[in-house]
């Protein structure tokens, strides 16, 4: 009788171990996360509550050499809608770039974006550009000393 009890206990224990082993190590169903939600668009936020500022980099300025327009305060803004008018008298191939600084000096300008590349003819155009830093200017890189008349106006947002 004792052997029978021990054998029954052994079979019950073995069955329990097999059951636990199957549950613990057996095939499982792959769990998956909920489907991804749609991407939430993030608005281009104006930093200070100021809606916009008009920026006058150059107004019908005649230039004959490399140089920077006036440094304008753009610290509260993230973008500028820039419009330009270039009147080439005698061709002076010119590249214009948007540059910025935190020092208030044109000696430490950082080039942000080329606005107009190798212009050699009259042009009127515009575009939107990102703004960085405390102050920004438009920089003219001219090929020779022939005069050209330029206007660069912006709306900082």
N, C-alpha and C. Protein backbone atom coordinates (compact mmCIF):
# COMPACT_ATOMS: atom_id res chain seq x y z
N UNK A 1 0.80 -1.17 0.00
CA UNK A 1 0.00 0.00 0.00
C UNK A 1 0.86 1.26 0.00
N UNK A 2 1.90 1.20 0.75
CA UNK A 2 2.81 2.31 0.82
C UNK A 2 3.41 2.62 -0.55
N UNK A 3 3.72 1.57 -1.27
CA UNK A 3 4.31 1.75 -2.59
C UNK A 3 3.30 2.42 -3.51
N UNK A 4 2.04 1.98 -3.36
CA UNK A 4 1.01 2.56 -4.19
C UNK A 4 0.84 4.05 -3.89
N UNK A 5 0.86 4.48 -2.65
CA UNK A 5 0.73 5.88 -2.27
C UNK A 5 1.92 6.67 -2.82
N UNK A 6 3.10 6.10 -2.67
CA UNK A 6 4.29 6.79 -3.15
C UNK A 6 4.27 6.92 -4.67
N UNK A 7 3.83 5.85 -5.36
CA UNK A 7 3.76 5.89 -6.80
C UNK A 7 2.72 6.91 -7.26
N UNK A 8 1.58 6.97 -6.58
CA UNK A 8 0.55 7.95 -6.92
C UNK A 8 1.06 9.37 -6.68
N UNK A 9 1.75 9.61 -5.60
CA UNK A 9 2.32 10.93 -5.31
C UNK A 9 3.37 11.29 -6.36
N UNK A 10 4.18 10.31 -6.75
CA UNK A 10 5.21 10.55 -7.76
C UNK A 10 4.58 10.88 -9.11
N UNK A 11 3.55 10.16 -9.52
CA UNK A 11 2.86 10.42 -10.79
C UNK A 11 2.17 11.78 -10.74
N UNK A 12 1.56 12.12 -9.64
CA UNK A 12 0.88 13.42 -9.49
C UNK A 12 1.90 14.55 -9.56
N UNK A 13 3.02 14.38 -8.90
CA UNK A 13 4.07 15.40 -8.92
C UNK A 13 4.63 15.54 -10.32
N UNK A 14 4.87 14.44 -11.02
CA UNK A 14 5.39 14.47 -12.38
C UNK A 14 4.40 15.16 -13.31
N UNK A 15 3.13 14.85 -13.16
CA UNK A 15 2.09 15.48 -14.00
C UNK A 15 2.04 16.98 -13.75
N UNK A 16 2.16 17.36 -12.47
CA UNK A 16 2.15 18.79 -12.12
C UNK A 16 3.36 19.49 -12.72
N UNK A 17 4.53 18.85 -12.66
CA UNK A 17 5.74 19.44 -13.24
C UNK A 17 5.63 19.56 -14.76
N UNK A 18 5.05 18.55 -15.40
CA UNK A 18 4.86 18.62 -16.85
C UNK A 18 3.90 19.76 -17.19
N UNK A 19 2.82 19.91 -16.44
CA UNK A 19 1.85 20.98 -16.68
C UNK A 19 2.50 22.35 -16.50
N UNK A 20 3.25 22.53 -15.41
CA UNK A 20 3.93 23.81 -15.17
C UNK A 20 4.96 24.07 -16.27
N UNK A 21 5.68 23.05 -16.68
CA UNK A 21 6.66 23.21 -17.75
C UNK A 21 6.02 23.61 -19.06
N UNK A 22 4.89 23.01 -19.40
CA UNK A 22 4.19 23.37 -20.64
C UNK A 22 3.68 24.80 -20.59
N UNK A 23 3.18 25.22 -19.47
CA UNK A 23 2.65 26.58 -19.34
C UNK A 23 3.80 27.58 -19.40
N UNK A 24 4.88 27.28 -18.69
CA UNK A 24 5.99 28.23 -18.61
C UNK A 24 6.81 28.28 -19.89
N UNK A 25 7.08 27.14 -20.50
CA UNK A 25 7.99 27.10 -21.63
C UNK A 25 7.32 26.73 -22.95
N UNK A 26 6.05 26.56 -22.95
CA UNK A 26 5.35 26.17 -24.16
C UNK A 26 5.18 27.33 -25.11
N UNK A 27 4.56 27.10 -26.25
CA UNK A 27 4.35 28.18 -27.22
C UNK A 27 3.44 29.25 -26.64
N UNK A 28 3.76 30.48 -26.95
CA UNK A 28 2.94 31.58 -26.43
C UNK A 28 2.39 32.37 -27.61
N UNK A 29 1.39 33.11 -27.35
CA UNK A 29 0.83 33.99 -28.36
C UNK A 29 1.61 35.30 -28.29
N UNK A 30 1.99 35.80 -29.46
CA UNK A 30 2.74 37.05 -29.49
C UNK A 30 1.81 38.20 -29.12
N UNK A 31 2.19 38.92 -28.11
CA UNK A 31 1.43 40.09 -27.71
C UNK A 31 1.84 41.25 -28.59
N UNK A 32 0.91 42.09 -28.94
CA UNK A 32 1.26 43.26 -29.75
C UNK A 32 0.66 44.50 -29.11
N UNK A 33 1.34 45.61 -29.32
CA UNK A 33 0.88 46.88 -28.78
C UNK A 33 -0.30 47.38 -29.60
N UNK A 34 -0.95 48.35 -29.07
CA UNK A 34 -2.05 48.97 -29.79
C UNK A 34 -1.51 49.61 -31.07
N UNK A 35 -2.33 49.78 -32.07
CA UNK A 35 -1.86 50.41 -33.30
C UNK A 35 -1.38 51.83 -33.02
N UNK A 36 -0.40 52.28 -33.80
CA UNK A 36 0.13 53.62 -33.60
C UNK A 36 -0.92 54.66 -33.94
N UNK A 37 -0.91 55.71 -33.15
CA UNK A 37 -1.82 56.82 -33.40
C UNK A 37 -1.23 57.69 -34.50
N UNK A 38 -2.04 58.52 -35.09
CA UNK A 38 -1.58 59.44 -36.11
C UNK A 38 -0.61 60.43 -35.47
N UNK A 39 0.37 60.86 -36.25
CA UNK A 39 1.34 61.83 -35.76
C UNK A 39 0.64 63.15 -35.50
N UNK A 40 0.92 63.72 -34.34
CA UNK A 40 0.32 65.01 -33.99
C UNK A 40 1.17 66.12 -34.56
N UNK A 41 0.63 66.95 -35.42
CA UNK A 41 1.44 68.04 -35.97
C UNK A 41 1.77 69.06 -34.88
N UNK A 42 2.97 69.61 -34.97
CA UNK A 42 3.40 70.61 -34.01
C UNK A 42 3.43 71.94 -34.73
N UNK A 43 2.80 72.92 -34.15
CA UNK A 43 2.73 74.24 -34.77
C UNK A 43 4.08 74.93 -34.70
N UNK A 44 4.34 75.80 -35.66
CA UNK A 44 5.54 76.63 -35.64
C UNK A 44 5.20 77.81 -34.74
N UNK A 45 5.60 77.71 -33.49
CA UNK A 45 5.16 78.65 -32.47
C UNK A 45 6.03 79.89 -32.45
N UNK A 46 5.40 81.05 -32.35
CA UNK A 46 6.12 82.29 -32.14
C UNK A 46 6.54 82.31 -30.68
N UNK A 47 7.82 82.59 -30.43
CA UNK A 47 8.38 82.42 -29.10
C UNK A 47 7.89 83.43 -28.07
N UNK A 48 7.69 84.69 -28.44
CA UNK A 48 7.45 85.71 -27.43
C UNK A 48 6.03 86.24 -27.40
N UNK A 49 5.20 85.78 -28.27
CA UNK A 49 3.87 86.35 -28.34
C UNK A 49 3.80 87.50 -29.34
N UNK A 50 4.97 87.98 -29.80
CA UNK A 50 5.00 89.02 -30.81
C UNK A 50 4.58 88.38 -32.12
N UNK A 51 3.63 88.96 -32.77
CA UNK A 51 3.10 88.35 -33.98
C UNK A 51 4.10 88.39 -35.13
N UNK A 52 4.60 89.57 -35.46
CA UNK A 52 5.59 89.69 -36.53
C UNK A 52 6.27 91.05 -36.45
N UNK A 53 7.42 91.15 -37.09
CA UNK A 53 8.15 92.41 -37.19
C UNK A 53 8.60 92.58 -38.63
N UNK A 54 8.52 93.81 -39.13
CA UNK A 54 9.03 94.12 -40.45
C UNK A 54 10.52 94.37 -40.34
N UNK A 55 11.29 93.76 -41.22
CA UNK A 55 12.73 93.92 -41.21
C UNK A 55 13.18 94.58 -42.51
N UNK A 56 13.98 95.62 -42.39
CA UNK A 56 14.55 96.29 -43.55
C UNK A 56 16.05 96.08 -43.50
N UNK A 57 16.54 95.13 -44.29
CA UNK A 57 17.97 94.89 -44.35
C UNK A 57 18.63 95.93 -45.25
N UNK A 58 18.11 96.10 -46.47
CA UNK A 58 18.58 97.12 -47.40
C UNK A 58 17.38 97.65 -48.16
N UNK A 59 17.37 98.95 -48.43
CA UNK A 59 16.33 99.56 -49.26
C UNK A 59 17.01 100.37 -50.34
N UNK A 60 16.87 99.94 -51.57
CA UNK A 60 17.50 100.57 -52.74
C UNK A 60 18.92 101.03 -52.43
N UNK A 61 19.69 100.13 -51.90
CA UNK A 61 21.09 100.39 -51.54
C UNK A 61 21.98 100.05 -52.73
N UNK A 62 22.89 100.95 -53.07
CA UNK A 62 23.86 100.68 -54.13
C UNK A 62 25.12 100.13 -53.46
N UNK A 63 25.52 98.93 -53.88
CA UNK A 63 26.72 98.32 -53.31
C UNK A 63 27.74 98.03 -54.41
N UNK A 64 29.01 98.05 -54.02
CA UNK A 64 30.10 97.75 -54.95
C UNK A 64 31.12 96.81 -54.33
N UNK A 65 30.91 96.41 -53.07
CA UNK A 65 31.86 95.54 -52.39
C UNK A 65 31.14 94.61 -51.44
N UNK A 66 31.86 93.58 -50.99
CA UNK A 66 31.31 92.62 -50.02
C UNK A 66 30.89 93.37 -48.76
N UNK A 67 29.82 92.91 -48.15
CA UNK A 67 29.42 93.54 -46.90
C UNK A 67 28.10 93.04 -46.39
N UNK A 68 27.84 93.46 -45.15
CA UNK A 68 26.65 93.03 -44.42
C UNK A 68 25.66 94.20 -44.33
N UNK A 69 24.40 93.89 -44.42
CA UNK A 69 23.38 94.90 -44.18
C UNK A 69 23.42 95.26 -42.70
N UNK A 70 22.50 96.06 -42.27
CA UNK A 70 22.39 96.37 -40.84
C UNK A 70 22.07 95.08 -40.08
N UNK A 71 22.64 94.95 -38.87
CA UNK A 71 22.27 93.83 -37.99
C UNK A 71 20.92 94.16 -37.37
N UNK A 72 19.96 93.27 -37.53
CA UNK A 72 18.62 93.50 -37.01
C UNK A 72 18.29 92.49 -35.91
N UNK A 73 17.58 92.93 -34.89
CA UNK A 73 17.22 92.07 -33.77
C UNK A 73 16.13 91.09 -34.20
N UNK A 74 16.43 89.80 -34.10
CA UNK A 74 15.48 88.77 -34.51
C UNK A 74 15.30 87.71 -33.41
N UNK A 75 15.71 88.03 -32.19
CA UNK A 75 15.75 87.03 -31.11
C UNK A 75 14.38 86.43 -30.80
N UNK A 76 13.31 87.14 -31.02
CA UNK A 76 11.98 86.64 -30.69
C UNK A 76 11.30 85.90 -31.84
N UNK A 77 12.04 85.61 -32.88
CA UNK A 77 11.43 85.05 -34.08
C UNK A 77 12.13 83.78 -34.55
N UNK A 78 11.40 82.96 -35.27
CA UNK A 78 11.93 81.68 -35.74
C UNK A 78 12.08 81.62 -37.26
N UNK A 79 11.34 82.46 -37.99
CA UNK A 79 11.37 82.42 -39.46
C UNK A 79 11.27 83.84 -40.00
N UNK A 80 11.72 83.99 -41.23
CA UNK A 80 11.57 85.26 -41.93
C UNK A 80 11.09 84.99 -43.35
N UNK A 81 10.09 85.75 -43.78
CA UNK A 81 9.68 85.78 -45.18
C UNK A 81 10.49 86.90 -45.81
N UNK A 82 11.43 86.55 -46.64
CA UNK A 82 12.38 87.51 -47.20
C UNK A 82 12.06 87.76 -48.67
N UNK A 83 11.99 89.04 -49.03
CA UNK A 83 11.77 89.42 -50.43
C UNK A 83 12.93 90.29 -50.87
N UNK A 84 13.39 90.08 -52.12
CA UNK A 84 14.50 90.88 -52.60
C UNK A 84 14.25 91.36 -54.02
N UNK A 85 14.87 92.52 -54.30
CA UNK A 85 14.87 93.10 -55.64
C UNK A 85 16.33 93.42 -55.94
N UNK A 86 16.84 92.88 -57.03
CA UNK A 86 18.23 93.09 -57.43
C UNK A 86 18.22 93.74 -58.80
N UNK A 87 18.84 94.91 -58.88
CA UNK A 87 18.92 95.64 -60.14
C UNK A 87 20.39 95.68 -60.56
N UNK A 88 20.73 94.85 -61.52
CA UNK A 88 22.10 94.79 -62.02
C UNK A 88 22.26 95.87 -63.09
N UNK A 89 23.15 96.85 -62.84
CA UNK A 89 23.47 97.83 -63.88
C UNK A 89 24.38 97.14 -64.89
N UNK A 90 25.67 97.13 -64.59
CA UNK A 90 26.65 96.33 -65.33
C UNK A 90 26.86 95.08 -64.49
N UNK A 91 26.91 93.94 -65.10
CA UNK A 91 26.90 92.67 -64.36
C UNK A 91 27.95 92.61 -63.26
N UNK A 92 27.49 92.25 -62.08
CA UNK A 92 28.34 92.02 -60.91
C UNK A 92 27.79 90.77 -60.23
N UNK A 93 28.29 89.61 -60.60
CA UNK A 93 27.77 88.34 -60.07
C UNK A 93 27.89 88.36 -58.55
N UNK A 94 26.75 88.17 -57.90
CA UNK A 94 26.70 88.34 -56.44
C UNK A 94 25.93 87.20 -55.80
N UNK A 95 26.43 86.77 -54.65
CA UNK A 95 25.74 85.77 -53.83
C UNK A 95 25.35 86.43 -52.52
N UNK A 96 24.09 86.23 -52.12
CA UNK A 96 23.59 86.79 -50.87
C UNK A 96 23.29 85.66 -49.90
N UNK A 97 23.67 85.86 -48.65
CA UNK A 97 23.41 84.83 -47.63
C UNK A 97 22.83 85.49 -46.38
N UNK A 98 22.04 84.71 -45.67
CA UNK A 98 21.47 85.14 -44.39
C UNK A 98 22.45 84.70 -43.30
N UNK A 99 22.89 85.66 -42.49
CA UNK A 99 23.88 85.35 -41.44
C UNK A 99 23.38 85.84 -40.10
N UNK A 100 23.90 85.26 -39.02
CA UNK A 100 23.44 85.63 -37.68
C UNK A 100 24.60 85.67 -36.70
N UNK A 101 24.34 86.32 -35.56
CA UNK A 101 25.33 86.43 -34.50
C UNK A 101 24.63 86.60 -33.16
N UNK A 102 25.32 86.25 -32.10
CA UNK A 102 24.85 86.53 -30.74
C UNK A 102 25.71 87.61 -30.09
N UNK A 103 26.76 88.04 -30.77
CA UNK A 103 27.72 88.98 -30.18
C UNK A 103 27.43 90.43 -30.50
N UNK A 104 26.59 90.70 -31.48
CA UNK A 104 26.32 92.07 -31.88
C UNK A 104 27.38 92.64 -32.79
N UNK A 105 28.28 91.79 -33.29
CA UNK A 105 29.38 92.23 -34.14
C UNK A 105 29.34 91.49 -35.46
N UNK A 106 29.64 92.21 -36.54
CA UNK A 106 29.70 91.56 -37.85
C UNK A 106 30.99 90.76 -38.01
N UNK A 107 31.90 90.86 -37.04
CA UNK A 107 33.14 90.09 -37.11
C UNK A 107 32.92 88.61 -36.80
N UNK A 108 31.78 88.28 -36.20
CA UNK A 108 31.53 86.90 -35.77
C UNK A 108 30.26 86.33 -36.40
N UNK A 109 30.06 86.59 -37.66
CA UNK A 109 28.83 86.14 -38.32
C UNK A 109 28.90 84.66 -38.66
N UNK A 110 27.76 84.00 -38.53
CA UNK A 110 27.63 82.59 -38.88
C UNK A 110 26.66 82.51 -40.06
N UNK A 111 27.11 81.87 -41.13
CA UNK A 111 26.26 81.75 -42.32
C UNK A 111 25.17 80.73 -42.06
N UNK A 112 23.93 81.14 -42.26
CA UNK A 112 22.79 80.27 -42.05
C UNK A 112 22.32 79.66 -43.36
N UNK A 113 22.05 80.51 -44.34
CA UNK A 113 21.51 80.00 -45.61
C UNK A 113 21.91 80.91 -46.75
N UNK A 114 22.18 80.31 -47.90
CA UNK A 114 22.38 81.10 -49.11
C UNK A 114 21.01 81.46 -49.64
N UNK A 115 20.79 82.75 -49.79
CA UNK A 115 19.48 83.26 -50.21
C UNK A 115 19.42 83.36 -51.74
N UNK A 116 20.44 83.95 -52.33
CA UNK A 116 20.54 84.08 -53.79
C UNK A 116 21.95 83.65 -54.17
N UNK A 117 22.07 82.74 -55.12
CA UNK A 117 23.38 82.22 -55.49
C UNK A 117 23.77 82.69 -56.89
N UNK A 118 24.93 83.33 -57.00
CA UNK A 118 25.53 83.74 -58.28
C UNK A 118 24.55 84.51 -59.16
N UNK A 119 23.95 85.53 -58.60
CA UNK A 119 23.02 86.35 -59.37
C UNK A 119 23.80 87.23 -60.33
N UNK A 120 23.39 87.25 -61.61
CA UNK A 120 24.04 88.06 -62.63
C UNK A 120 23.04 88.84 -63.47
N UNK A 121 21.77 88.84 -63.07
CA UNK A 121 20.74 89.54 -63.83
C UNK A 121 19.72 90.14 -62.86
N UNK A 122 18.93 91.07 -63.35
CA UNK A 122 17.88 91.64 -62.52
C UNK A 122 16.99 90.53 -61.99
N UNK A 123 16.58 90.67 -60.74
CA UNK A 123 15.75 89.62 -60.15
C UNK A 123 14.85 90.20 -59.07
N UNK A 124 13.67 89.64 -59.00
CA UNK A 124 12.74 89.91 -57.91
C UNK A 124 12.20 88.56 -57.47
N UNK A 125 12.42 88.22 -56.21
CA UNK A 125 12.00 86.90 -55.73
C UNK A 125 11.88 86.95 -54.21
N UNK A 126 11.63 85.79 -53.63
CA UNK A 126 11.51 85.71 -52.17
C UNK A 126 11.50 84.28 -51.72
N UNK A 127 11.52 84.12 -50.40
CA UNK A 127 11.48 82.80 -49.81
C UNK A 127 11.40 82.90 -48.30
N UNK A 128 11.12 81.76 -47.66
CA UNK A 128 11.05 81.72 -46.21
C UNK A 128 12.28 81.00 -45.68
N UNK A 129 12.89 81.57 -44.64
CA UNK A 129 14.12 81.04 -44.08
C UNK A 129 14.02 80.98 -42.56
N UNK A 130 14.74 80.03 -41.96
CA UNK A 130 14.80 79.92 -40.50
C UNK A 130 15.73 81.00 -39.96
N UNK A 131 15.41 81.47 -38.75
CA UNK A 131 16.23 82.47 -38.08
C UNK A 131 16.86 81.86 -36.84
N UNK A 132 18.10 82.23 -36.59
CA UNK A 132 18.81 81.78 -35.41
C UNK A 132 19.52 82.97 -34.78
N UNK A 133 19.81 82.86 -33.50
CA UNK A 133 20.63 83.87 -32.84
C UNK A 133 19.85 85.10 -32.43
N UNK A 134 20.62 86.12 -32.03
CA UNK A 134 20.04 87.36 -31.51
C UNK A 134 19.86 88.40 -32.60
N UNK A 135 20.82 88.45 -33.54
CA UNK A 135 20.75 89.42 -34.62
C UNK A 135 21.07 88.74 -35.94
N UNK A 136 20.53 89.30 -37.02
CA UNK A 136 20.76 88.73 -38.35
C UNK A 136 21.01 89.85 -39.36
N UNK A 137 21.67 89.48 -40.45
CA UNK A 137 21.88 90.40 -41.55
C UNK A 137 21.87 89.62 -42.85
N UNK A 138 21.78 90.34 -43.96
CA UNK A 138 21.97 89.75 -45.27
C UNK A 138 23.36 90.17 -45.72
N UNK A 139 24.15 89.20 -46.14
CA UNK A 139 25.53 89.46 -46.53
C UNK A 139 25.65 89.35 -48.04
N UNK A 140 26.31 90.33 -48.66
CA UNK A 140 26.53 90.34 -50.11
C UNK A 140 27.98 89.99 -50.39
N UNK A 141 28.18 89.02 -51.27
CA UNK A 141 29.51 88.63 -51.72
C UNK A 141 29.58 88.94 -53.21
N UNK A 142 30.23 90.06 -53.56
CA UNK A 142 30.24 90.53 -54.95
C UNK A 142 31.49 90.05 -55.68
N UNK A 143 31.39 89.97 -57.00
CA UNK A 143 32.51 89.48 -57.82
C UNK A 143 33.44 90.60 -58.26
N UNK A 144 32.91 91.84 -58.39
CA UNK A 144 33.73 92.95 -58.84
C UNK A 144 33.17 94.25 -58.27
N UNK A 145 33.63 95.38 -58.74
CA UNK A 145 33.21 96.67 -58.17
C UNK A 145 32.11 97.35 -58.98
N UNK A 146 31.50 96.67 -59.94
CA UNK A 146 30.38 97.27 -60.67
C UNK A 146 29.22 97.47 -59.70
N UNK A 147 28.57 98.63 -59.73
CA UNK A 147 27.49 98.89 -58.78
C UNK A 147 26.22 98.09 -59.11
N UNK A 148 25.53 97.66 -58.07
CA UNK A 148 24.21 97.08 -58.24
C UNK A 148 23.33 97.62 -57.12
N UNK A 149 22.04 97.73 -57.40
CA UNK A 149 21.09 98.30 -56.43
C UNK A 149 20.25 97.14 -55.90
N UNK A 150 20.18 97.07 -54.56
CA UNK A 150 19.48 95.95 -53.94
C UNK A 150 18.51 96.42 -52.87
N UNK A 151 17.46 95.65 -52.71
CA UNK A 151 16.49 95.82 -51.62
C UNK A 151 16.23 94.46 -51.05
N UNK A 152 16.36 94.34 -49.74
CA UNK A 152 16.02 93.11 -49.03
C UNK A 152 15.12 93.48 -47.86
N UNK A 153 13.86 93.03 -47.91
CA UNK A 153 12.88 93.30 -46.88
C UNK A 153 12.36 91.98 -46.34
N UNK A 154 12.01 91.95 -45.07
CA UNK A 154 11.52 90.70 -44.49
C UNK A 154 10.41 90.92 -43.48
N UNK A 155 9.67 89.88 -43.23
CA UNK A 155 8.69 89.83 -42.15
C UNK A 155 9.12 88.69 -41.25
N UNK A 156 9.54 89.03 -40.04
CA UNK A 156 10.00 88.01 -39.09
C UNK A 156 8.80 87.49 -38.31
N UNK A 157 8.71 86.17 -38.19
CA UNK A 157 7.58 85.55 -37.51
C UNK A 157 8.08 84.69 -36.37
